[in-house]
Amino acid sequence: EDAENIASNIMNKPGEPWKDVVIKAQVLSGGRGLGTFKNGFKGGVHMLTEAGQAKDYAQSMLGEFLVTKQAPNGILCNRVFMMERVDPKVEMYL
C-alpha cells in the first residue's frame, strides 16, 4: 500500500499525466533484473505504467528471496527502491 501511495501521490501528482516509475529490489547482488524470486516472480527490476502495479510488484518482492547468478541461494529482499523512469541518451560503463 505504501508503494502504491508513493507511485500515485508523490512521484505522480493527481491530475497530471502519469510518469513511468521503476521499482527495484534492493539486494546486494548484480543481475537483479534477470533474477527470479523463490516464489516464482521473475525479475528484480520492473517498470510501472499504472499506479495499481506498485502494490502488486512490491508484495511479490518484499520478504522473498531473489536468486541471481551472483547469489544462487537467494538474498532476502527487505526493501524496494522506486524512482522516475529516465531515458538515457548514452549509456557508458567505466
PDB file of N, CA and C in Angstrom:
ATOM      1  N   GLU A   1       0.822  -1.194   0.000  1.00  0.00           N
ATOM      2  CA  GLU A   1       0.000   0.000   0.000  1.00  0.00           C
ATOM      3  C   GLU A   1       0.860   1.250   0.000  1.00  0.00           C
ATOM      4  N   ASP A   2       1.993   1.206   0.732  1.00  0.00           N
ATOM      5  CA  ASP A   2       2.891   2.359   0.736  1.00  0.00           C
ATOM      6  C   ASP A   2       3.449   2.607  -0.656  1.00  0.00           C
ATOM      7  N   ALA A   3       3.813   1.535  -1.350  1.00  0.00           N
ATOM      8  CA  ALA A   3       4.364   1.676  -2.704  1.00  0.00           C
ATOM      9  C   ALA A   3       3.342   2.305  -3.637  1.00  0.00           C
ATOM     10  N   GLU A   4       2.101   1.893  -3.533  1.00  0.00           N
ATOM     11  CA  GLU A   4       1.050   2.445  -4.388  1.00  0.00           C
ATOM     12  C   GLU A   4       0.844   3.929  -4.088  1.00  0.00           C
ATOM     13  N   ASN A   5       0.859   4.304  -2.817  1.00  0.00           N
ATOM     14  CA  ASN A   5       0.702   5.703  -2.430  1.00  0.00           C
ATOM     15  C   ASN A   5       1.853   6.546  -2.953  1.00  0.00           C
ATOM     16  N   ILE A   6       3.069   6.031  -2.850  1.00  0.00           N
ATOM     17  CA  ILE A   6       4.236   6.772  -3.339  1.00  0.00           C
ATOM     18  C   ILE A   6       4.149   6.962  -4.847  1.00  0.00           C
ATOM     19  N   ALA A   7       3.822   5.892  -5.571  1.00  0.00           N
ATOM     20  CA  ALA A   7       3.730   5.983  -7.034  1.00  0.00           C
ATOM     21  C   ALA A   7       2.613   6.919  -7.473  1.00  0.00           C
ATOM     22  N   SER A   8       1.484   6.886  -6.765  1.00  0.00           N
ATOM     23  CA  SER A   8       0.303   7.662  -7.181  1.00  0.00           C
ATOM     24  C   SER A   8       0.317   9.107  -6.731  1.00  0.00           C
ATOM     25  N   ASN A   9       0.797   9.363  -5.521  1.00  0.00           N
ATOM     26  CA  ASN A   9       0.629  10.697  -4.943  1.00  0.00           C
ATOM     27  C   ASN A   9       1.909  11.493  -4.749  1.00  0.00           C
ATOM     28  N   ILE A  10       3.050  10.832  -4.753  1.00  0.00           N
ATOM     29  CA  ILE A  10       4.297  11.558  -4.550  1.00  0.00           C
ATOM     30  C   ILE A  10       5.084  11.663  -5.857  1.00  0.00           C
ATOM     31  N   MET A  11       5.289  10.509  -6.513  1.00  0.00           N
ATOM     32  CA  MET A  11       6.040  10.520  -7.765  1.00  0.00           C
ATOM     33  C   MET A  11       5.182  11.036  -8.921  1.00  0.00           C
ATOM     34  N   ASN A  12       3.901  10.830  -8.819  1.00  0.00           N
ATOM     35  CA  ASN A  12       2.955  11.321  -9.822  1.00  0.00           C
ATOM     36  C   ASN A  12       1.890  12.140  -9.098  1.00  0.00           C
ATOM     37  N   LYS A  13       1.743  13.368  -9.493  1.00  0.00           N
ATOM     38  CA  LYS A  13       0.764  14.243  -8.860  1.00  0.00           C
ATOM     39  C   LYS A  13      -0.623  13.989  -9.450  1.00  0.00           C
ATOM     40  N   PRO A  14      -1.646  13.916  -8.601  1.00  0.00           N
ATOM     41  CA  PRO A  14      -3.015  13.724  -9.107  1.00  0.00           C
ATOM     42  C   PRO A  14      -3.380  14.814 -10.111  1.00  0.00           C
ATOM     43  N   GLY A  15      -4.006  14.411 -11.210  1.00  0.00           N
ATOM     44  CA  GLY A  15      -4.422  15.356 -12.242  1.00  0.00           C
ATOM     45  C   GLY A  15      -3.380  15.609 -13.315  1.00  0.00           C
ATOM     46  N   GLU A  16      -2.151  15.149 -13.103  1.00  0.00           N
ATOM     47  CA  GLU A  16      -1.098  15.321 -14.100  1.00  0.00           C
ATOM     48  C   GLU A  16      -0.921  14.017 -14.875  1.00  0.00           C
ATOM     49  N   PRO A  17      -0.345  14.079 -16.076  1.00  0.00           N
ATOM     50  CA  PRO A  17      -0.100  12.843 -16.831  1.00  0.00           C
ATOM     51  C   PRO A  17       0.825  11.907 -16.055  1.00  0.00           C
ATOM     52  N   TRP A  18       0.576  10.602 -16.174  1.00  0.00           N
ATOM     53  CA  TRP A  18       1.362   9.594 -15.461  1.00  0.00           C
ATOM     54  C   TRP A  18       2.801   9.558 -15.984  1.00  0.00           C
ATOM     55  N   LYS A  19       3.755   9.545 -15.053  1.00  0.00           N
ATOM     56  CA  LYS A  19       5.168   9.362 -15.388  1.00  0.00           C
ATOM     57  C   LYS A  19       5.522   7.933 -15.009  1.00  0.00           C
ATOM     58  N   ASP A  20       6.165   7.206 -15.909  1.00  0.00           N
ATOM     59  CA  ASP A  20       6.551   5.828 -15.607  1.00  0.00           C
ATOM     60  C   ASP A  20       7.497   5.799 -14.420  1.00  0.00           C
ATOM     61  N   VAL A  21       7.359   4.759 -13.603  1.00  0.00           N
ATOM     62  CA  VAL A  21       8.147   4.585 -12.387  1.00  0.00           C
ATOM     63  C   VAL A  21       8.859   3.243 -12.478  1.00  0.00           C
ATOM     64  N   VAL A  22      10.097   3.192 -11.991  1.00  0.00           N
ATOM     65  CA  VAL A  22      10.850   1.947 -11.932  1.00  0.00           C
ATOM     66  C   VAL A  22      10.890   1.493 -10.482  1.00  0.00           C
ATOM     67  N   ILE A  23      10.641   0.198 -10.249  1.00  0.00           N
ATOM     68  CA  ILE A  23      10.742  -0.379  -8.914  1.00  0.00           C
ATOM     69  C   ILE A  23      11.851  -1.423  -8.954  1.00  0.00           C
ATOM     70  N   LYS A  24      12.767  -1.358  -7.976  1.00  0.00           N
ATOM     71  CA  LYS A  24      13.920  -2.255  -7.943  1.00  0.00           C
ATOM     72  C   LYS A  24      14.012  -2.931  -6.584  1.00  0.00           C
ATOM     73  N   ALA A  25      14.288  -4.222  -6.597  1.00  0.00           N
ATOM     74  CA  ALA A  25      14.562  -4.942  -5.353  1.00  0.00           C
ATOM     75  C   ALA A  25      15.915  -4.467  -4.836  1.00  0.00           C
ATOM     76  N   GLN A  26      15.988  -4.071  -3.588  1.00  0.00           N
ATOM     77  CA  GLN A  26      17.243  -3.600  -3.017  1.00  0.00           C
ATOM     78  C   GLN A  26      17.943  -4.760  -2.317  1.00  0.00           C
ATOM     79  N   VAL A  27      18.739  -5.471  -3.098  1.00  0.00           N
ATOM     80  CA  VAL A  27      19.556  -6.567  -2.582  1.00  0.00           C
ATOM     81  C   VAL A  27      20.973  -6.350  -3.080  1.00  0.00           C
ATOM     82  N   LEU A  28      21.946  -6.831  -2.330  1.00  0.00           N
ATOM     83  CA  LEU A  28      23.344  -6.654  -2.683  1.00  0.00           C
ATOM     84  C   LEU A  28      23.767  -7.775  -3.633  1.00  0.00           C
ATOM     85  N   SER A  29      23.405  -7.613  -4.899  1.00  0.00           N
ATOM     86  CA  SER A  29      23.730  -8.614  -5.903  1.00  0.00           C
ATOM     87  C   SER A  29      23.586  -8.005  -7.283  1.00  0.00           C
ATOM     88  N   GLY A  30      24.466  -8.383  -8.176  1.00  0.00           N
ATOM     89  CA  GLY A  30      24.336  -7.971  -9.566  1.00  0.00           C
ATOM     90  C   GLY A  30      23.333  -8.869 -10.273  1.00  0.00           C
ATOM     91  N   GLY A  31      22.829  -8.422 -11.378  1.00  0.00           N
ATOM     92  CA  GLY A  31      21.904  -9.230 -12.154  1.00  0.00           C
ATOM     93  C   GLY A  31      20.500  -9.301 -11.593  1.00  0.00           C
ATOM     94  N   ARG A  32      20.096  -8.283 -10.832  1.00  0.00           N
ATOM     95  CA  ARG A  32      18.747  -8.281 -10.243  1.00  0.00           C
ATOM     96  C   ARG A  32      17.658  -8.366 -11.301  1.00  0.00           C
ATOM     97  N   GLY A  33      17.866  -7.680 -12.395  1.00  0.00           N
ATOM     98  CA  GLY A  33      16.845  -7.648 -13.442  1.00  0.00           C
ATOM     99  C   GLY A  33      16.578  -9.008 -14.062  1.00  0.00           C
ATOM    100  N   LEU A  34      17.583  -9.865 -14.090  1.00  0.00           N
ATOM    101  CA  LEU A  34      17.442 -11.196 -14.668  1.00  0.00           C
ATOM    102  C   LEU A  34      17.157 -12.258 -13.624  1.00  0.00           C
ATOM    103  N   GLY A  35      17.169 -11.882 -12.356  1.00  0.00           N
ATOM    104  CA  GLY A  35      16.952 -12.849 -11.278  1.00  0.00           C
ATOM    105  C   GLY A  35      15.501 -13.304 -11.191  1.00  0.00           C
ATOM    106  N   THR A  36      15.291 -14.310 -10.359  1.00  0.00           N
ATOM    107  CA  THR A  36      13.956 -14.843 -10.119  1.00  0.00           C
ATOM    108  C   THR A  36      13.769 -15.018  -8.617  1.00  0.00           C
ATOM    109  N   PHE A  37      12.628 -14.593  -8.121  1.00  0.00           N
ATOM    110  CA  PHE A  37      12.322 -14.789  -6.714  1.00  0.00           C
ATOM    111  C   PHE A  37      11.901 -16.236  -6.486  1.00  0.00           C
ATOM    112  N   LYS A  38      12.155 -16.740  -5.292  1.00  0.00           N
ATOM    113  CA  LYS A  38      11.817 -18.133  -4.989  1.00  0.00           C
ATOM    114  C   LYS A  38      10.316 -18.396  -5.039  1.00  0.00           C
ATOM    115  N   ASN A  39       9.507 -17.343  -5.009  1.00  0.00           N
ATOM    116  CA  ASN A  39       8.057 -17.517  -5.139  1.00  0.00           C
ATOM    117  C   ASN A  39       7.621 -17.605  -6.604  1.00  0.00           C
ATOM    118  N   GLY A  40       8.602 -17.546  -7.537  1.00  0.00           N
ATOM    119  CA  GLY A  40       8.307 -17.655  -8.955  1.00  0.00           C
ATOM    120  C   GLY A  40       8.234 -16.330  -9.691  1.00  0.00           C
ATOM    121  N   PHE A  41       8.223 -15.213  -8.971  1.00  0.00           N
ATOM    122  CA  PHE A  41       8.159 -13.885  -9.590  1.00  0.00           C
ATOM    123  C   PHE A  41       9.470 -13.612 -10.320  1.00  0.00           C
ATOM    124  N   LYS A  42       9.393 -13.220 -11.570  1.00  0.00           N
ATOM    125  CA  LYS A  42      10.579 -13.021 -12.403  1.00  0.00           C
ATOM    126  C   LYS A  42      11.044 -11.576 -12.390  1.00  0.00           C
ATOM    127  N   GLY A  43      12.338 -11.391 -12.142  1.00  0.00           N
ATOM    128  CA  GLY A  43      12.966 -10.085 -12.254  1.00  0.00           C
ATOM    129  C   GLY A  43      12.880  -9.229 -11.013  1.00  0.00           C
ATOM    130  N   GLY A  44      13.994  -8.561 -10.705  1.00  0.00           N
ATOM    131  CA  GLY A  44      14.059  -7.676  -9.558  1.00  0.00           C
ATOM    132  C   GLY A  44      13.972  -6.215  -9.937  1.00  0.00           C
ATOM    133  N   VAL A  45      13.765  -5.929 -11.229  1.00  0.00           N
ATOM    134  CA  VAL A  45      13.629  -4.558 -11.717  1.00  0.00           C
ATOM    135  C   VAL A  45      12.451  -4.535 -12.689  1.00  0.00           C
ATOM    136  N   HIS A  46      11.490  -3.660 -12.436  1.00  0.00           N
ATOM    137  CA  HIS A  46      10.302  -3.576 -13.291  1.00  0.00           C
ATOM    138  C   HIS A  46       9.886  -2.130 -13.501  1.00  0.00           C
ATOM    139  N   MET A  47       9.284  -1.862 -14.666  1.00  0.00           N
ATOM    140  CA  MET A  47       8.740  -0.543 -14.943  1.00  0.00           C
ATOM    141  C   MET A  47       7.235  -0.570 -14.697  1.00  0.00           C
ATOM    142  N   LEU A  48       6.744   0.405 -13.964  1.00  0.00           N
ATOM    143  CA  LEU A  48       5.322   0.518 -13.667  1.00  0.00           C
ATOM    144  C   LEU A  48       4.691   1.527 -14.618  1.00  0.00           C
ATOM    145  N   THR A  49       3.610   1.121 -15.242  1.00  0.00           N
ATOM    146  CA  THR A  49       2.931   2.025 -16.169  1.00  0.00           C
ATOM    147  C   THR A  49       1.594   2.513 -15.623  1.00  0.00           C
ATOM    148  N   GLU A  50       1.199   2.009 -14.440  1.00  0.00           N
ATOM    149  CA  GLU A  50      -0.014   2.495 -13.773  1.00  0.00           C
ATOM    150  C   GLU A  50       0.122   2.271 -12.268  1.00  0.00           C
ATOM    151  N   ALA A  51      -0.621   3.037 -11.494  1.00  0.00           N
ATOM    152  CA  ALA A  51      -0.465   3.063 -10.040  1.00  0.00           C
ATOM    153  C   ALA A  51      -0.705   1.717  -9.372  1.00  0.00           C
ATOM    154  N   GLY A  52      -1.704   0.975  -9.791  1.00  0.00           N
ATOM    155  CA  GLY A  52      -2.049  -0.279  -9.136  1.00  0.00           C
ATOM    156  C   GLY A  52      -0.944  -1.316  -9.190  1.00  0.00           C
ATOM    157  N   GLN A  53      -0.022  -1.194 -10.130  1.00  0.00           N
ATOM    158  CA  GLN A  53       1.063  -2.158 -10.251  1.00  0.00           C
ATOM    159  C   GLN A  53       2.044  -2.058  -9.094  1.00  0.00           C
ATOM    160  N   ALA A  54       2.212  -0.897  -8.507  1.00  0.00           N
ATOM    161  CA  ALA A  54       3.211  -0.697  -7.455  1.00  0.00           C
ATOM    162  C   ALA A  54       2.980  -1.645  -6.278  1.00  0.00           C
ATOM    163  N   LYS A  55       1.758  -1.741  -5.818  1.00  0.00           N
ATOM    164  CA  LYS A  55       1.442  -2.610  -4.684  1.00  0.00           C
ATOM    165  C   LYS A  55       1.700  -4.070  -5.044  1.00  0.00           C
ATOM    166  N   ASP A  56       1.270  -4.498  -6.229  1.00  0.00           N
ATOM    167  CA  ASP A  56       1.436  -5.891  -6.648  1.00  0.00           C
ATOM    168  C   ASP A  56       2.906  -6.277  -6.751  1.00  0.00           C
ATOM    169  N   TYR A  57       3.698  -5.428  -7.404  1.00  0.00           N
ATOM    170  CA  TYR A  57       5.122  -5.723  -7.555  1.00  0.00           C
ATOM    171  C   TYR A  57       5.832  -5.724  -6.203  1.00  0.00           C
ATOM    172  N   ALA A  58       5.550  -4.740  -5.366  1.00  0.00           N
ATOM    173  CA  ALA A  58       6.195  -4.674  -4.053  1.00  0.00           C
ATOM    174  C   ALA A  58       5.856  -5.905  -3.222  1.00  0.00           C
ATOM    175  N   GLN A  59       4.603  -6.343  -3.241  1.00  0.00           N
ATOM    176  CA  GLN A  59       4.211  -7.536  -2.479  1.00  0.00           C
ATOM    177  C   GLN A  59       4.910  -8.786  -3.000  1.00  0.00           C
ATOM    178  N   SER A  60       5.155  -8.842  -4.307  1.00  0.00           N
ATOM    179  CA  SER A  60       5.832 -10.007  -4.886  1.00  0.00           C
ATOM    180  C   SER A  60       7.312 -10.040  -4.547  1.00  0.00           C
ATOM    181  N   MET A  61       7.902  -8.878  -4.211  1.00  0.00           N
ATOM    182  CA  MET A  61       9.333  -8.793  -3.930  1.00  0.00           C
ATOM    183  C   MET A  61       9.649  -8.839  -2.431  1.00  0.00           C
ATOM    184  N   LEU A  62       8.924  -8.063  -1.645  1.00  0.00           N
ATOM    185  CA  LEU A  62       9.254  -7.919  -0.225  1.00  0.00           C
ATOM    186  C   LEU A  62       9.057  -9.218   0.546  1.00  0.00           C
ATOM    187  N   GLY A  63      10.068  -9.559   1.341  1.00  0.00           N
ATOM    188  CA  GLY A  63      10.018 -10.769   2.155  1.00  0.00           C
ATOM    189  C   GLY A  63      10.340 -12.037   1.390  1.00  0.00           C
ATOM    190  N   GLU A  64      10.756 -11.897   0.137  1.00  0.00           N
ATOM    191  CA  GLU A  64      11.077 -13.049  -0.705  1.00  0.00           C
ATOM    192  C   GLU A  64      12.570 -13.067  -1.023  1.00  0.00           C
ATOM    193  N   PHE A  65      13.072 -14.233  -1.393  1.00  0.00           N
ATOM    194  CA  PHE A  65      14.479 -14.400  -1.751  1.00  0.00           C
ATOM    195  C   PHE A  65      14.653 -14.266  -3.256  1.00  0.00           C
ATOM    196  N   LEU A  66      15.589 -13.380  -3.673  1.00  0.00           N
ATOM    197  CA  LEU A  66      15.890 -13.169  -5.082  1.00  0.00           C
ATOM    198  C   LEU A  66      17.131 -13.974  -5.436  1.00  0.00           C
ATOM    199  N   VAL A  67      16.995 -14.888  -6.387  1.00  0.00           N
ATOM    200  CA  VAL A  67      18.093 -15.736  -6.845  1.00  0.00           C
ATOM    201  C   VAL A  67      18.687 -15.111  -8.106  1.00  0.00           C
ATOM    202  N   THR A  68      20.005 -14.871  -8.078  1.00  0.00           N
ATOM    203  CA  THR A  68      20.723 -14.314  -9.226  1.00  0.00           C
ATOM    204  C   THR A  68      21.959 -15.179  -9.475  1.00  0.00           C
ATOM    205  N   LYS A  69      22.681 -14.872 -10.562  1.00  0.00           N
ATOM    206  CA  LYS A  69      23.926 -15.597 -10.838  1.00  0.00           C
ATOM    207  C   LYS A  69      24.932 -15.407  -9.714  1.00  0.00           C
ATOM    208  N   GLN A  70      24.965 -14.222  -9.122  1.00  0.00           N
ATOM    209  CA  GLN A  70      25.906 -13.936  -8.037  1.00  0.00           C
ATOM    210  C   GLN A  70      25.427 -14.482  -6.700  1.00  0.00           C
ATOM    211  N   ALA A  71      24.143 -14.766  -6.575  1.00  0.00           N
ATOM    212  CA  ALA A  71      23.571 -15.255  -5.315  1.00  0.00           C
ATOM    213  C   ALA A  71      22.669 -16.457  -5.611  1.00  0.00           C
ATOM    214  N   PRO A  72      23.262 -17.619  -5.918  1.00  0.00           N
ATOM    215  CA  PRO A  72      22.457 -18.781  -6.303  1.00  0.00           C
ATOM    216  C   PRO A  72      21.544 -19.311  -5.201  1.00  0.00           C
ATOM    217  N   ASN A  73      21.836 -18.983  -3.943  1.00  0.00           N
ATOM    218  CA  ASN A  73      20.975 -19.403  -2.827  1.00  0.00           C
ATOM    219  C   ASN A  73      19.884 -18.388  -2.530  1.00  0.00           C
ATOM    220  N   GLY A  74      19.984 -17.225  -3.140  1.00  0.00           N
ATOM    221  CA  GLY A  74      18.993 -16.171  -2.947  1.00  0.00           C
ATOM    222  C   GLY A  74      19.363 -15.207  -1.846  1.00  0.00           C
ATOM    223  N   ILE A  75      18.909 -13.989  -1.981  1.00  0.00           N
ATOM    224  CA  ILE A  75      19.105 -12.937  -0.982  1.00  0.00           C
ATOM    225  C   ILE A  75      17.736 -12.372  -0.636  1.00  0.00           C
ATOM    226  N   LEU A  76      17.462 -12.242   0.663  1.00  0.00           N
ATOM    227  CA  LEU A  76      16.180 -11.731   1.130  1.00  0.00           C
ATOM    228  C   LEU A  76      16.009 -10.269   0.738  1.00  0.00           C
ATOM    229  N   CYS A  77      14.891  -9.951   0.146  1.00  0.00           N
ATOM    230  CA  CYS A  77      14.566  -8.579  -0.246  1.00  0.00           C
ATOM    231  C   CYS A  77      13.703  -7.952   0.853  1.00  0.00           C
ATOM    232  N   ASN A  78      14.287  -7.017   1.588  1.00  0.00           N
ATOM    233  CA  ASN A  78      13.569  -6.314   2.647  1.00  0.00           C
ATOM    234  C   ASN A  78      13.125  -4.918   2.241  1.00  0.00           C
ATOM    235  N   ARG A  79      13.654  -4.430   1.111  1.00  0.00           N
ATOM    236  CA  ARG A  79      13.358  -3.073   0.658  1.00  0.00           C
ATOM    237  C   ARG A  79      13.231  -3.039  -0.848  1.00  0.00           C
ATOM    238  N   VAL A  80      12.432  -2.109  -1.320  1.00  0.00           N
ATOM    239  CA  VAL A  80      12.381  -1.819  -2.748  1.00  0.00           C
ATOM    240  C   VAL A  80      12.663  -0.338  -2.936  1.00  0.00           C
ATOM    241  N   PHE A  81      13.207  -0.002  -4.073  1.00  0.00           N
ATOM    242  CA  PHE A  81      13.555   1.366  -4.418  1.00  0.00           C
ATOM    243  C   PHE A  81      12.690   1.771  -5.599  1.00  0.00           C
ATOM    244  N   MET A  82      12.085   2.936  -5.517  1.00  0.00           N
ATOM    245  CA  MET A  82      11.252   3.429  -6.616  1.00  0.00           C
ATOM    246  C   MET A  82      11.785   4.768  -7.089  1.00  0.00           C
ATOM    247  N   MET A  83      11.816   4.930  -8.408  1.00  0.00           N
ATOM    248  CA  MET A  83      12.286   6.184  -8.978  1.00  0.00           C
ATOM    249  C   MET A  83      11.584   6.439 -10.299  1.00  0.00           C
ATOM    250  N   GLU A  84      11.582   7.698 -10.718  1.00  0.00           N
ATOM    251  CA  GLU A  84      11.001   8.037 -12.018  1.00  0.00           C
ATOM    252  C   GLU A  84      11.872   7.457 -13.123  1.00  0.00           C
ATOM    253  N   ARG A  85      11.233   6.898 -14.131  1.00  0.00           N
ATOM    254  CA  ARG A  85      11.971   6.332 -15.261  1.00  0.00           C
ATOM    255  C   ARG A  85      12.621   7.455 -16.046  1.00  0.00           C
ATOM    256  N   VAL A  86      13.889   7.267 -16.388  1.00  0.00           N
ATOM    257  CA  VAL A  86      14.639   8.241 -17.170  1.00  0.00           C
ATOM    258  C   VAL A  86      15.201   7.514 -18.385  1.00  0.00           C
ATOM    259  N   ASP A  87      15.026   8.100 -19.548  1.00  0.00           N
ATOM    260  CA  ASP A  87      15.590   7.516 -20.763  1.00  0.00           C
ATOM    261  C   ASP A  87      16.975   8.101 -20.994  1.00  0.00           C
ATOM    262  N   PRO A  88      18.026   7.290 -20.844  1.00  0.00           N
ATOM    263  CA  PRO A  88      19.376   7.825 -21.063  1.00  0.00           C
ATOM    264  C   PRO A  88      19.643   8.066 -22.546  1.00  0.00           C
ATOM    265  N   LYS A  89      20.368   9.135 -22.838  1.00  0.00           N
ATOM    266  CA  LYS A  89      20.746   9.404 -24.222  1.00  0.00           C
ATOM    267  C   LYS A  89      21.921   8.523 -24.621  1.00  0.00           C
ATOM    268  N   VAL A  90      22.828   8.307 -23.678  1.00  0.00           N
ATOM    269  CA  VAL A  90      24.012   7.488 -23.913  1.00  0.00           C
ATOM    270  C   VAL A  90      24.235   6.642 -22.667  1.00  0.00           C
ATOM    271  N   GLU A  91      24.615   5.390 -22.875  1.00  0.00           N
ATOM    272  CA  GLU A  91      24.892   4.508 -21.752  1.00  0.00           C
ATOM    273  C   GLU A  91      26.360   4.100 -21.818  1.00  0.00           C
ATOM    274  N   MET A  92      27.115   4.347 -20.733  1.00  0.00           N
ATOM    275  CA  MET A  92      28.543   4.000 -20.702  1.00  0.00           C
ATOM    276  C   MET A  92      28.858   3.269 -19.408  1.00  0.00           C
ATOM    277  N   TYR A  93      29.682   2.272 -19.506  1.00  0.00           N
ATOM    278  CA  TYR A  93      30.188   1.557 -18.343  1.00  0.00           C
ATOM    279  C   TYR A  93      31.675   1.815 -18.244  1.00  0.00           C
ATOM    280  N   LEU A  94      32.110   2.290 -17.102  1.00  0.00           N
ATOM    281  CA  LEU A  94      33.536   2.605 -16.907  1.00  0.00           C
ATOM    282  C   LEU A  94      34.185   1.622 -15.970  1.00  0.00           C
TER     283      LEU A  94
END
